[in-house]
Amino acid sequence: MLATACGGEKRQDCDALMAVVNEGFAQLENGRQQQKNDPTQTVELRAIADLVDKTANKASGLSAATPEVKSMAGRYAAMLKEVAKSSREIADAHEANDLARVEKGRMALNAALKNEDGIIHDLNTFCSR
């Protein structure tokens, strides 16, 4: 999900976090396109985990002066760390042919991803005021 621009005195912090979100999303889409020939998706899942970790580190390292933006950056980073962890768990389970672990990992991944829309919504709402 892409974040949109914001205005006012929060502009710099909002724009910085939105740039991290949008850059991470673009890199993720590019990475997914490059891994299309992987039938088990283990290579894709590991590549996604690495990209998501990098984006999480950028978000958590953001030096936002606005407390609300800093908080949202932390929430976004934590969500991304869960996505990376779950992606690796699914890849490991695929390699071990452990379908129960694959399903458990998918459930954890879906639970983590459900948080993204709320975080982006909060960011867009805050930054548009």
Protein backbone atom coordinates (compact mmCIF):
# COMPACT_ATOMS: atom_id res chain seq x y z
CA MET A 1 0.00 0.00 0.00
CA LEU A 2 1.43 3.38 -0.94
CA ALA A 3 1.47 6.32 1.42
CA THR A 4 0.53 9.78 0.20
CA ALA A 5 2.17 13.14 0.90
CA CYS A 6 1.34 15.35 3.85
CA GLY A 7 1.53 19.05 4.70
CA GLY A 8 2.25 21.49 7.50
CA GLU A 9 5.11 21.50 9.95
CA LYS A 10 5.12 17.70 10.00
CA ARG A 11 5.94 17.58 6.30
CA GLN A 12 9.58 16.59 6.64
CA ASP A 13 8.94 13.73 9.07
CA CYS A 14 5.89 12.51 7.20
CA ASP A 15 7.64 12.64 3.86
CA ALA A 16 10.67 10.81 5.25
CA LEU A 17 8.59 7.92 6.60
CA MET A 18 6.44 7.79 3.48
CA ALA A 19 9.59 7.63 1.37
CA VAL A 20 10.77 4.61 3.41
CA VAL A 21 7.37 2.93 3.02
CA ASN A 22 7.12 3.61 -0.70
CA GLU A 23 10.73 2.63 -1.42
CA GLY A 24 10.29 -0.62 0.48
CA PHE A 25 7.10 -1.38 -1.40
CA ALA A 26 8.79 -0.72 -4.76
CA GLN A 27 11.77 -2.91 -3.87
CA LEU A 28 9.47 -5.68 -2.72
CA GLU A 29 7.53 -5.61 -5.99
CA ASN A 30 10.76 -5.67 -8.01
CA GLY A 31 12.08 -8.58 -5.94
CA ARG A 32 8.89 -10.57 -6.42
CA GLN A 33 9.05 -10.10 -10.19
CA GLN A 34 12.62 -11.45 -10.29
CA GLN A 35 11.77 -14.67 -8.41
CA LYS A 36 8.87 -15.93 -10.56
CA ASN A 37 10.54 -19.26 -11.48
CA ASP A 38 10.75 -20.58 -7.91
CA PRO A 39 7.99 -23.23 -7.53
CA THR A 40 8.34 -23.56 -3.73
CA GLN A 41 8.82 -19.82 -3.31
CA THR A 42 11.62 -20.37 -0.80
CA VAL A 43 14.02 -18.13 -2.72
CA GLU A 44 11.33 -15.47 -3.04
CA LEU A 45 10.41 -15.72 0.65
CA ARG A 46 14.03 -15.31 1.72
CA ALA A 47 14.53 -12.38 -0.66
CA ILE A 48 11.35 -10.77 0.67
CA ALA A 49 12.54 -11.28 4.25
CA ASP A 50 15.86 -9.59 3.48
CA LEU A 51 14.20 -6.63 1.73
CA VAL A 52 11.64 -6.25 4.50
CA ASP A 53 14.37 -6.32 7.15
CA LYS A 54 16.22 -3.52 5.35
CA THR A 55 13.05 -1.44 5.19
CA ALA A 56 12.34 -2.13 8.87
CA ASN A 57 15.82 -0.94 9.78
CA LYS A 58 15.32 2.25 7.77
CA ALA A 59 11.96 2.88 9.43
CA SER A 60 13.23 2.25 12.95
CA GLY A 61 16.30 4.39 12.30
CA LEU A 62 14.27 7.33 11.09
CA SER A 63 15.13 10.45 13.08
CA ALA A 64 11.67 11.97 13.15
CA ALA A 65 11.14 14.88 15.53
CA THR A 66 7.36 14.43 15.47
CA PRO A 67 6.46 11.90 18.20
CA GLU A 68 3.47 10.55 16.26
CA VAL A 69 5.56 9.88 13.16
CA LYS A 70 8.32 8.32 15.26
CA SER A 71 5.71 6.04 16.86
CA MET A 72 4.26 5.04 13.49
CA ALA A 73 7.77 4.34 12.17
CA GLY A 74 8.30 2.03 15.15
CA ARG A 75 4.99 0.27 14.58
CA TYR A 76 5.78 -0.14 10.89
CA ALA A 77 9.27 -1.50 11.64
CA ALA A 78 7.88 -4.00 14.17
CA MET A 79 5.27 -5.19 11.66
CA LEU A 80 7.96 -5.62 9.00
CA LYS A 81 10.17 -7.60 11.38
CA GLU A 82 7.25 -10.00 11.93
CA VAL A 83 6.76 -10.29 8.17
CA ALA A 84 10.45 -11.11 7.69
CA LYS A 85 10.42 -13.66 10.51
CA SER A 86 7.29 -15.37 9.19
CA SER A 87 8.63 -15.43 5.62
CA ARG A 88 11.79 -17.18 6.79
CA GLU A 89 9.76 -19.63 8.85
CA ILE A 90 7.66 -20.54 5.81
CA ALA A 91 10.78 -20.99 3.65
CA ASP A 92 12.40 -23.21 6.30
CA ALA A 93 9.21 -25.27 6.59
CA HIS A 94 8.98 -25.67 2.79
CA GLU A 95 12.55 -26.93 2.68
CA ALA A 96 11.76 -29.42 5.45
CA ASN A 97 8.51 -30.47 3.74
CA ASP A 98 6.69 -29.65 6.98
CA LEU A 99 3.21 -28.63 5.88
CA ALA A 100 2.02 -27.91 9.42
CA ARG A 101 4.87 -25.41 9.91
CA VAL A 102 4.15 -23.90 6.49
CA GLU A 103 0.56 -23.28 7.54
CA LYS A 104 1.59 -21.91 10.92
CA GLY A 105 4.03 -19.55 9.19
CA ARG A 106 1.38 -18.41 6.72
CA MET A 107 -1.01 -17.65 9.56
CA ALA A 108 1.68 -15.60 11.32
CA LEU A 109 2.50 -13.80 8.08
CA ASN A 110 -1.14 -12.95 7.42
CA ALA A 111 -1.58 -11.73 11.00
CA ALA A 112 1.43 -9.43 10.63
CA LEU A 113 0.30 -8.11 7.25
CA LYS A 114 -3.15 -7.24 8.61
CA ASN A 115 -1.49 -4.49 10.65
CA GLU A 116 -0.04 -2.70 7.62
CA ASP A 117 -3.26 -1.09 6.39
CA GLY A 118 -3.99 0.39 9.81
CA ILE A 119 -0.50 1.82 10.16
CA ILE A 120 -0.57 3.37 6.68
CA HIS A 121 -4.07 4.69 7.29
CA ASP A 122 -2.93 6.30 10.56
CA LEU A 123 0.10 7.80 8.83
CA ASN A 124 -1.92 9.20 5.94
CA THR A 125 -4.59 10.57 8.29
CA PHE A 126 -2.05 12.21 10.60
CA CYS A 127 0.00 13.67 7.78
CA SER A 128 -3.00 15.07 5.91
CA ARG A 129 -4.14 17.19 8.86
